[in-house]
Amino acid sequence: MDTDSRDVRAHGNETAAGSSTKQYTAHLERSRRVWDRWSDWYGMSERDFEPIRERAIDRLDLQAGDRVLDIGCGPGVNFEHIRSQIGSDGELVAVDYSPEMVANARNRIDRHGWENVVVHQADATTVDFDESFDAAVATLSLGVMPDAHRTVENIHRLLVPGGQLAVVDVRPTPSGPLRLLNPLIWRFFRWYANWNPANDVPGSLHHTFTECELTETAVGGTAYTMICRRAGSAVEAGNSDPETAEQ
């Protein structure tokens, strides 16, 4: 499917309210360049983070027929695991801003013949859809966003009441003697992934979602998983959409 699919109403050209337009746009465009550059060299990262990504997805307890949003999908590293749980009756919708990553993700879809997986090139902070999602995942993506807080708010709005978000991300070492290495860690994250030190991903998640739990850490605490749940119930979810659902 192409990016003009009927349920996408906002692509990446709007700047999130409350962000400096110039800084926001500069970070977004640098992310595009960085991830275009890494689009053909993602294999090592895909393998190294596969266990923690899959454990995070498993915590969502996805069901056959669920509709799932993958934010900052890269070359589609989560697609196979998610699809194995939602089946052919579910729907996986993915978003990434890098044209090269999107091209690789679509190639992955074509190779597997997945008819219920679609990828859109769009800014996750402003992207919009006509239908809500039962669950969402954001693996190694929120920390590189130009405005993670606004992105988290947008994901929350797109979830059905009771819907869950699984986040895997990285951060400087939170405690212990390894904190002395944080300046080097910051520089590496910035060079490798255009990591944005202005983002407080855990803080944004706790501020936006009713329930949020840190479920796993790895690599000296620099990698972590959080599972968050939007307030509400399955009854409300059956009657909700992004326009009318409770904020």
C-alpha atoms as a PDB file:
ATOM      1  CA  MET A   1       0.000   0.000   0.000  1.00  0.00           C
ATOM      2  CA  ASP A   2       1.276   3.530  -0.668  1.00  0.00           C
ATOM      3  CA  THR A   3       1.505   6.437   1.735  1.00  0.00           C
ATOM      4  CA  ASP A   4      -1.749   7.930   0.438  1.00  0.00           C
ATOM      5  CA  SER A   5      -3.782   5.172   2.114  1.00  0.00           C
ATOM      6  CA  ARG A   6      -7.147   6.534   3.216  1.00  0.00           C
ATOM      7  CA  ASP A   7      -6.465   6.386   6.946  1.00  0.00           C
ATOM      8  CA  VAL A   8      -3.396   8.633   7.014  1.00  0.00           C
ATOM      9  CA  ARG A   9      -4.337  12.271   7.389  1.00  0.00           C
ATOM     10  CA  ALA A  10      -1.154  13.989   8.573  1.00  0.00           C
ATOM     11  CA  HIS A  11       2.331  13.416   7.227  1.00  0.00           C
ATOM     12  CA  GLY A  12       5.517  14.903   8.573  1.00  0.00           C
ATOM     13  CA  ASN A  13       5.284  18.507   7.484  1.00  0.00           C
ATOM     14  CA  GLU A  14       3.518  19.949  10.533  1.00  0.00           C
ATOM     15  CA  THR A  15       5.642  21.075  13.478  1.00  0.00           C
ATOM     16  CA  ALA A  16       4.426  20.015  16.921  1.00  0.00           C
ATOM     17  CA  ALA A  17       3.017  22.852  18.979  1.00  0.00           C
ATOM     18  CA  GLY A  18       5.325  24.013  21.749  1.00  0.00           C
ATOM     19  CA  SER A  19       8.533  23.099  19.925  1.00  0.00           C
ATOM     20  CA  SER A  20      10.912  25.561  18.356  1.00  0.00           C
ATOM     21  CA  THR A  21      10.129  25.281  14.654  1.00  0.00           C
ATOM     22  CA  LYS A  22      13.729  25.708  13.604  1.00  0.00           C
ATOM     23  CA  GLN A  23      15.164  23.239  16.129  1.00  0.00           C
ATOM     24  CA  TYR A  24      12.363  20.753  15.559  1.00  0.00           C
ATOM     25  CA  THR A  25      12.805  20.773  11.786  1.00  0.00           C
ATOM     26  CA  ALA A  26      16.593  20.607  12.024  1.00  0.00           C
ATOM     27  CA  HIS A  27      16.480  17.570  14.325  1.00  0.00           C
ATOM     28  CA  LEU A  28      13.869  15.836  12.187  1.00  0.00           C
ATOM     29  CA  GLU A  29      15.869  16.322   9.012  1.00  0.00           C
ATOM     30  CA  ARG A  30      19.102  15.220  10.671  1.00  0.00           C
ATOM     31  CA  SER A  31      17.314  12.061  11.834  1.00  0.00           C
ATOM     32  CA  ARG A  32      16.246  11.408   8.264  1.00  0.00           C
ATOM     33  CA  ARG A  33      19.846  11.721   7.055  1.00  0.00           C
ATOM     34  CA  VAL A  34      21.263   9.580   9.874  1.00  0.00           C
ATOM     35  CA  TRP A  35      18.730   6.777   9.437  1.00  0.00           C
ATOM     36  CA  ASP A  36      18.940   6.867   5.664  1.00  0.00           C
ATOM     37  CA  ARG A  37      22.680   6.331   6.156  1.00  0.00           C
ATOM     38  CA  TRP A  38      22.171   3.356   8.475  1.00  0.00           C
ATOM     39  CA  SER A  39      19.275   1.835   6.547  1.00  0.00           C
ATOM     40  CA  ASP A  40      21.417  -0.872   4.922  1.00  0.00           C
ATOM     41  CA  TRP A  41      23.517  -1.550   8.048  1.00  0.00           C
ATOM     42  CA  TYR A  42      20.858  -2.289  10.643  1.00  0.00           C
ATOM     43  CA  GLY A  43      21.473  -6.027  10.923  1.00  0.00           C
ATOM     44  CA  MET A  44      23.731  -5.929  13.978  1.00  0.00           C
ATOM     45  CA  SER A  45      21.339  -3.689  15.930  1.00  0.00           C
ATOM     46  CA  GLU A  46      18.445  -5.879  14.881  1.00  0.00           C
ATOM     47  CA  ARG A  47      20.119  -9.029  16.246  1.00  0.00           C
ATOM     48  CA  ASP A  48      21.514  -7.480  19.418  1.00  0.00           C
ATOM     49  CA  PHE A  49      18.210  -5.982  20.539  1.00  0.00           C
ATOM     50  CA  GLU A  50      15.946  -8.742  19.269  1.00  0.00           C
ATOM     51  CA  PRO A  51      15.461 -10.499  22.646  1.00  0.00           C
ATOM     52  CA  ILE A  52      14.499  -7.342  24.554  1.00  0.00           C
ATOM     53  CA  ARG A  53      12.253  -6.145  21.710  1.00  0.00           C
ATOM     54  CA  GLU A  54      10.408  -9.447  21.524  1.00  0.00           C
ATOM     55  CA  ARG A  55       9.967  -9.660  25.295  1.00  0.00           C
ATOM     56  CA  ALA A  56       8.493  -6.149  25.266  1.00  0.00           C
ATOM     57  CA  ILE A  57       6.036  -7.077  22.511  1.00  0.00           C
ATOM     58  CA  ASP A  58       5.083 -10.268  24.368  1.00  0.00           C
ATOM     59  CA  ARG A  59       4.093  -8.167  27.390  1.00  0.00           C
ATOM     60  CA  LEU A  60       1.341  -6.549  25.315  1.00  0.00           C
ATOM     61  CA  ASP A  61      -0.509  -9.876  25.199  1.00  0.00           C
ATOM     62  CA  LEU A  62      -1.599  -9.246  21.605  1.00  0.00           C
ATOM     63  CA  GLN A  63      -4.566 -11.180  20.277  1.00  0.00           C
ATOM     64  CA  ALA A  64      -5.525 -12.409  16.829  1.00  0.00           C
ATOM     65  CA  GLY A  65      -7.258  -9.599  14.965  1.00  0.00           C
ATOM     66  CA  ASP A  66      -5.635  -6.744  16.930  1.00  0.00           C
ATOM     67  CA  ARG A  67      -4.682  -3.514  15.209  1.00  0.00           C
ATOM     68  CA  VAL A  68      -1.122  -2.478  16.155  1.00  0.00           C
ATOM     69  CA  LEU A  69       0.918   0.697  15.547  1.00  0.00           C
ATOM     70  CA  ASP A  70       4.717   0.478  15.189  1.00  0.00           C
ATOM     71  CA  ILE A  71       6.319   3.916  15.749  1.00  0.00           C
ATOM     72  CA  GLY A  72       9.758   4.475  14.213  1.00  0.00           C
ATOM     73  CA  CYS A  73       9.663   1.036  12.629  1.00  0.00           C
ATOM     74  CA  GLY A  74      13.016   1.279  10.811  1.00  0.00           C
ATOM     75  CA  PRO A  75      13.416  -1.596   8.332  1.00  0.00           C
ATOM     76  CA  GLY A  76      10.578  -3.555   9.947  1.00  0.00           C
ATOM     77  CA  VAL A  77      12.442  -5.474  12.635  1.00  0.00           C
ATOM     78  CA  ASN A  78       9.279  -5.952  14.732  1.00  0.00           C
ATOM     79  CA  PHE A  79       6.954  -6.972  11.911  1.00  0.00           C
ATOM     80  CA  GLU A  80       7.364 -10.741  11.973  1.00  0.00           C
ATOM     81  CA  HIS A  81       7.002 -11.079  15.744  1.00  0.00           C
ATOM     82  CA  ILE A  82       3.949  -8.822  15.910  1.00  0.00           C
ATOM     83  CA  ARG A  83       2.305 -10.500  12.944  1.00  0.00           C
ATOM     84  CA  SER A  84       2.859 -13.943  14.463  1.00  0.00           C
ATOM     85  CA  GLN A  85       0.579 -12.822  17.306  1.00  0.00           C
ATOM     86  CA  ILE A  86      -2.121 -10.801  15.525  1.00  0.00           C
ATOM     87  CA  GLY A  87      -2.434 -13.282  12.642  1.00  0.00           C
ATOM     88  CA  SER A  88      -3.727 -12.590   9.166  1.00  0.00           C
ATOM     89  CA  ASP A  89      -6.926 -11.045  10.582  1.00  0.00           C
ATOM     90  CA  GLY A  90      -5.025  -8.341  12.461  1.00  0.00           C
ATOM     91  CA  GLU A  91      -3.489  -5.197  11.046  1.00  0.00           C
ATOM     92  CA  LEU A  92      -0.021  -3.764  11.585  1.00  0.00           C
ATOM     93  CA  VAL A  93       0.490  -0.111  10.648  1.00  0.00           C
ATOM     94  CA  ALA A  94       4.032   1.250  10.819  1.00  0.00           C
ATOM     95  CA  VAL A  95       5.492   4.757  10.635  1.00  0.00           C
ATOM     96  CA  ASP A  96       9.023   5.984   9.959  1.00  0.00           C
ATOM     97  CA  TYR A  97      10.397   9.314   8.735  1.00  0.00           C
ATOM     98  CA  SER A  98      13.405   7.919   6.839  1.00  0.00           C
ATOM     99  CA  PRO A  99      12.589   7.189   3.174  1.00  0.00           C
ATOM    100  CA  GLU A 100      15.316   4.540   2.997  1.00  0.00           C
ATOM    101  CA  MET A 101      14.096   2.781   6.133  1.00  0.00           C
ATOM    102  CA  VAL A 102      10.560   2.838   4.763  1.00  0.00           C
ATOM    103  CA  ALA A 103      11.785   1.342   1.477  1.00  0.00           C
ATOM    104  CA  ASN A 104      13.560  -1.469   3.339  1.00  0.00           C
ATOM    105  CA  ALA A 105      10.495  -2.115   5.499  1.00  0.00           C
ATOM    106  CA  ARG A 106       8.308  -2.366   2.407  1.00  0.00           C
ATOM    107  CA  ASN A 107      10.797  -4.743   0.804  1.00  0.00           C
ATOM    108  CA  ARG A 108      10.535  -6.936   3.896  1.00  0.00           C
ATOM    109  CA  ILE A 109       6.754  -6.927   3.571  1.00  0.00           C
ATOM    110  CA  ASP A 110       6.967  -7.847  -0.108  1.00  0.00           C
ATOM    111  CA  ARG A 111       9.414 -10.699   0.546  1.00  0.00           C
ATOM    112  CA  HIS A 112       7.043 -12.258   3.063  1.00  0.00           C
ATOM    113  CA  GLY A 113       3.856 -11.486   1.178  1.00  0.00           C
ATOM    114  CA  TRP A 114       2.228  -9.845   4.211  1.00  0.00           C
ATOM    115  CA  GLU A 115      -1.014  -8.285   3.052  1.00  0.00           C
ATOM    116  CA  ASN A 116      -2.004  -6.864   6.454  1.00  0.00           C
ATOM    117  CA  VAL A 117       1.162  -4.827   7.101  1.00  0.00           C
ATOM    118  CA  VAL A 118       1.520  -1.271   5.774  1.00  0.00           C
ATOM    119  CA  VAL A 119       4.270   1.331   6.238  1.00  0.00           C
ATOM    120  CA  HIS A 120       3.874   5.101   6.000  1.00  0.00           C
ATOM    121  CA  GLN A 121       6.624   7.698   5.708  1.00  0.00           C
ATOM    122  CA  ALA A 122       5.483  10.290   8.247  1.00  0.00           C
ATOM    123  CA  ASP A 123       6.427  12.263  11.340  1.00  0.00           C
ATOM    124  CA  ALA A 124       5.248  10.237  14.341  1.00  0.00           C
ATOM    125  CA  THR A 125       4.597  13.425  16.308  1.00  0.00           C
ATOM    126  CA  THR A 126       1.799  14.534  13.982  1.00  0.00           C
ATOM    127  CA  VAL A 127       0.700  11.440  12.067  1.00  0.00           C
ATOM    128  CA  ASP A 128      -3.021  10.734  12.308  1.00  0.00           C
ATOM    129  CA  PHE A 129      -5.300   7.827  11.454  1.00  0.00           C
ATOM    130  CA  ASP A 130      -9.027   7.325  11.073  1.00  0.00           C
ATOM    131  CA  GLU A 131      -9.083   4.233  13.299  1.00  0.00           C
ATOM    132  CA  SER A 132      -7.662   3.666  16.775  1.00  0.00           C
ATOM    133  CA  PHE A 133      -5.134   0.977  17.715  1.00  0.00           C
ATOM    134  CA  ASP A 134      -5.360  -1.814  20.267  1.00  0.00           C
ATOM    135  CA  ALA A 135      -1.637  -1.543  21.026  1.00  0.00           C
ATOM    136  CA  ALA A 136       1.519   0.273  19.958  1.00  0.00           C
ATOM    137  CA  VAL A 137       5.242  -0.370  20.041  1.00  0.00           C
ATOM    138  CA  ALA A 138       8.161   2.049  19.905  1.00  0.00           C
ATOM    139  CA  THR A 139      11.532   0.309  19.935  1.00  0.00           C
ATOM    140  CA  LEU A 140      14.673   2.461  19.873  1.00  0.00           C
ATOM    141  CA  SER A 141      12.719   5.354  18.404  1.00  0.00           C
ATOM    142  CA  LEU A 142      11.288   7.744  20.999  1.00  0.00           C
ATOM    143  CA  GLY A 143      14.688   8.896  22.241  1.00  0.00           C
ATOM    144  CA  VAL A 144      15.658  10.135  18.784  1.00  0.00           C
ATOM    145  CA  MET A 145      12.437  12.056  18.170  1.00  0.00           C
ATOM    146  CA  PRO A 146      12.638  15.861  17.932  1.00  0.00           C
ATOM    147  CA  ASP A 147       9.901  16.028  20.588  1.00  0.00           C
ATOM    148  CA  ALA A 148       9.346  12.745  22.422  1.00  0.00           C
ATOM    149  CA  HIS A 149       6.718  14.217  24.740  1.00  0.00           C
ATOM    150  CA  ARG A 150       4.453  15.287  21.886  1.00  0.00           C
ATOM    151  CA  THR A 151       5.022  11.946  20.179  1.00  0.00           C
ATOM    152  CA  VAL A 152       3.973  10.072  23.335  1.00  0.00           C
ATOM    153  CA  GLU A 153       0.858  12.245  23.569  1.00  0.00           C
ATOM    154  CA  ASN A 154       0.024  11.443  19.949  1.00  0.00           C
ATOM    155  CA  ILE A 155       0.440   7.700  20.512  1.00  0.00           C
ATOM    156  CA  HIS A 156      -1.780   7.930  23.601  1.00  0.00           C
ATOM    157  CA  ARG A 157      -4.472   9.687  21.550  1.00  0.00           C
ATOM    158  CA  LEU A 158      -4.326   6.987  18.857  1.00  0.00           C
ATOM    159  CA  LEU A 159      -4.814   4.094  21.300  1.00  0.00           C
ATOM    160  CA  VAL A 160      -8.194   2.698  22.283  1.00  0.00           C
ATOM    161  CA  PRO A 161      -9.147   3.029  25.981  1.00  0.00           C
ATOM    162  CA  GLY A 162      -7.217   0.292  27.745  1.00  0.00           C
ATOM    163  CA  GLY A 163      -4.700   0.066  24.903  1.00  0.00           C
ATOM    164  CA  GLN A 164      -1.051  -0.511  25.765  1.00  0.00           C
ATOM    165  CA  LEU A 165       2.278   0.857  24.537  1.00  0.00           C
ATOM    166  CA  ALA A 166       5.557  -1.099  24.718  1.00  0.00           C
ATOM    167  CA  VAL A 167       8.693   1.038  24.660  1.00  0.00           C
ATOM    168  CA  VAL A 168      12.286  -0.122  24.341  1.00  0.00           C
ATOM    169  CA  ASP A 169      14.796   2.714  24.425  1.00  0.00           C
ATOM    170  CA  VAL A 170      18.231   3.762  25.605  1.00  0.00           C
ATOM    171  CA  ARG A 171      19.527   6.375  28.022  1.00  0.00           C
ATOM    172  CA  PRO A 172      22.748   7.338  29.783  1.00  0.00           C
ATOM    173  CA  THR A 173      23.694   5.150  32.736  1.00  0.00           C
ATOM    174  CA  PRO A 174      21.204   6.067  35.491  1.00  0.00           C
ATOM    175  CA  SER A 175      23.388   5.143  38.490  1.00  0.00           C
ATOM    176  CA  GLY A 176      26.670   3.665  39.652  1.00  0.00           C
ATOM    177  CA  PRO A 177      30.285   4.302  38.649  1.00  0.00           C
ATOM    178  CA  LEU A 178      29.511   3.885  34.949  1.00  0.00           C
ATOM    179  CA  ARG A 179      27.861   7.299  35.096  1.00  0.00           C
ATOM    180  CA  LEU A 180      31.356   8.700  34.603  1.00  0.00           C
ATOM    181  CA  LEU A 181      31.092   7.443  31.035  1.00  0.00           C
ATOM    182  CA  ASN A 182      27.849   9.280  30.326  1.00  0.00           C
ATOM    183  CA  PRO A 183      29.468  12.111  28.339  1.00  0.00           C
ATOM    184  CA  LEU A 184      30.918   9.489  25.976  1.00  0.00           C
ATOM    185  CA  ILE A 185      27.608   7.606  25.879  1.00  0.00           C
ATOM    186  CA  TRP A 186      25.772  10.820  24.964  1.00  0.00           C
ATOM    187  CA  ARG A 187      28.190  11.489  22.119  1.00  0.00           C
ATOM    188  CA  PHE A 188      27.887   7.929  20.811  1.00  0.00           C
ATOM    189  CA  PHE A 189      24.081   7.984  20.902  1.00  0.00           C
ATOM    190  CA  ARG A 190      24.097  11.356  19.164  1.00  0.00           C
ATOM    191  CA  TRP A 191      26.478  10.178  16.430  1.00  0.00           C
ATOM    192  CA  TYR A 192      24.901   6.784  15.878  1.00  0.00           C
ATOM    193  CA  ALA A 193      21.210   7.565  16.130  1.00  0.00           C
ATOM    194  CA  ASN A 194      20.759  11.351  16.419  1.00  0.00           C
ATOM    195  CA  TRP A 195      19.674  10.750  20.026  1.00  0.00           C
ATOM    196  CA  ASN A 196      18.063  13.833  21.528  1.00  0.00           C
ATOM    197  CA  PRO A 197      19.282  14.559  25.102  1.00  0.00           C
ATOM    198  CA  ALA A 198      16.419  17.043  25.558  1.00  0.00           C
ATOM    199  CA  ASN A 199      13.953  14.142  25.599  1.00  0.00           C
ATOM    200  CA  ASP A 200      12.882  12.564  28.877  1.00  0.00           C
ATOM    201  CA  VAL A 201      11.146   9.474  27.536  1.00  0.00           C
ATOM    202  CA  PRO A 202      10.334   7.822  30.914  1.00  0.00           C
ATOM    203  CA  GLY A 203       9.093  11.153  32.287  1.00  0.00           C
ATOM    204  CA  SER A 204       6.882  11.718  29.248  1.00  0.00           C
ATOM    205  CA  LEU A 205       5.427   8.231  29.516  1.00  0.00           C
ATOM    206  CA  HIS A 206       4.626   8.620  33.226  1.00  0.00           C
ATOM    207  CA  HIS A 207       3.122  12.053  32.621  1.00  0.00           C
ATOM    208  CA  THR A 208       0.881  10.939  29.743  1.00  0.00           C
ATOM    209  CA  PHE A 209      -0.280   7.424  30.652  1.00  0.00           C
ATOM    210  CA  THR A 210      -2.358   6.379  33.636  1.00  0.00           C
ATOM    211  CA  GLU A 211      -0.235   3.276  34.217  1.00  0.00           C
ATOM    212  CA  CYS A 212       3.437   2.942  33.325  1.00  0.00           C
ATOM    213  CA  GLU A 213       5.893   0.306  34.533  1.00  0.00           C
ATOM    214  CA  LEU A 214       9.613  -0.183  34.024  1.00  0.00           C
ATOM    215  CA  THR A 215       9.766  -3.899  33.297  1.00  0.00           C
ATOM    216  CA  GLU A 216      13.359  -4.568  32.234  1.00  0.00           C
ATOM    217  CA  THR A 217      16.817  -3.009  32.041  1.00  0.00           C
ATOM    218  CA  ALA A 218      19.944  -4.198  30.271  1.00  0.00           C
ATOM    219  CA  VAL A 219      23.474  -3.111  29.335  1.00  0.00           C
ATOM    220  CA  GLY A 220      24.164  -1.457  32.663  1.00  0.00           C
ATOM    221  CA  GLY A 221      20.750   0.174  32.712  1.00  0.00           C
ATOM    222  CA  THR A 222      21.296   2.040  29.457  1.00  0.00           C
ATOM    223  CA  ALA A 223      18.635  -0.051  27.688  1.00  0.00           C
ATOM    224  CA  TYR A 224      15.202  -0.340  29.229  1.00  0.00           C
ATOM    225  CA  THR A 225      11.632  -1.475  28.598  1.00  0.00           C
ATOM    226  CA  MET A 226       8.495   0.307  29.768  1.00  0.00           C
ATOM    227  CA  ILE A 227       4.903  -0.883  29.375  1.00  0.00           C
ATOM    228  CA  CYS A 228       2.200   1.778  29.589  1.00  0.00           C
ATOM    229  CA  ARG A 229      -1.580   1.535  29.502  1.00  0.00           C
ATOM    230  CA  ARG A 230      -4.153   4.110  28.533  1.00  0.00           C
ATOM    231  CA  ALA A 231      -7.041   4.530  30.966  1.00  0.00           C
ATOM    232  CA  GLY A 232     -10.343   2.961  30.021  1.00  0.00           C
ATOM    233  CA  SER A 233     -11.943  -0.383  29.334  1.00  0.00           C
ATOM    234  CA  ALA A 234     -12.659  -2.754  26.497  1.00  0.00           C
ATOM    235  CA  VAL A 235     -16.291  -1.534  26.460  1.00  0.00           C
ATOM    236  CA  GLU A 236     -15.138   2.021  25.785  1.00  0.00           C
ATOM    237  CA  ALA A 237     -12.613   0.733  23.257  1.00  0.00           C
ATOM    238  CA  GLY A 238     -15.376  -0.768  21.172  1.00  0.00           C
ATOM    239  CA  ASN A 239     -16.927   2.662  20.660  1.00  0.00           C
ATOM    240  CA  SER A 240     -13.815   4.815  20.382  1.00  0.00           C
ATOM    241  CA  ASP A 241     -11.858   6.508  17.617  1.00  0.00           C
ATOM    242  CA  PRO A 242      -8.995   9.036  17.597  1.00  0.00           C
ATOM    243  CA  GLU A 243     -11.390  11.982  17.272  1.00  0.00           C
ATOM    244  CA  THR A 244     -13.849  11.134  20.049  1.00  0.00           C
ATOM    245  CA  ALA A 245     -11.865   8.956  22.482  1.00  0.00           C
ATOM    246  CA  GLU A 246     -11.121  10.303  25.950  1.00  0.00           C
ATOM    247  CA  GLN A 247      -7.831  12.187  26.029  1.00  0.00           C
END
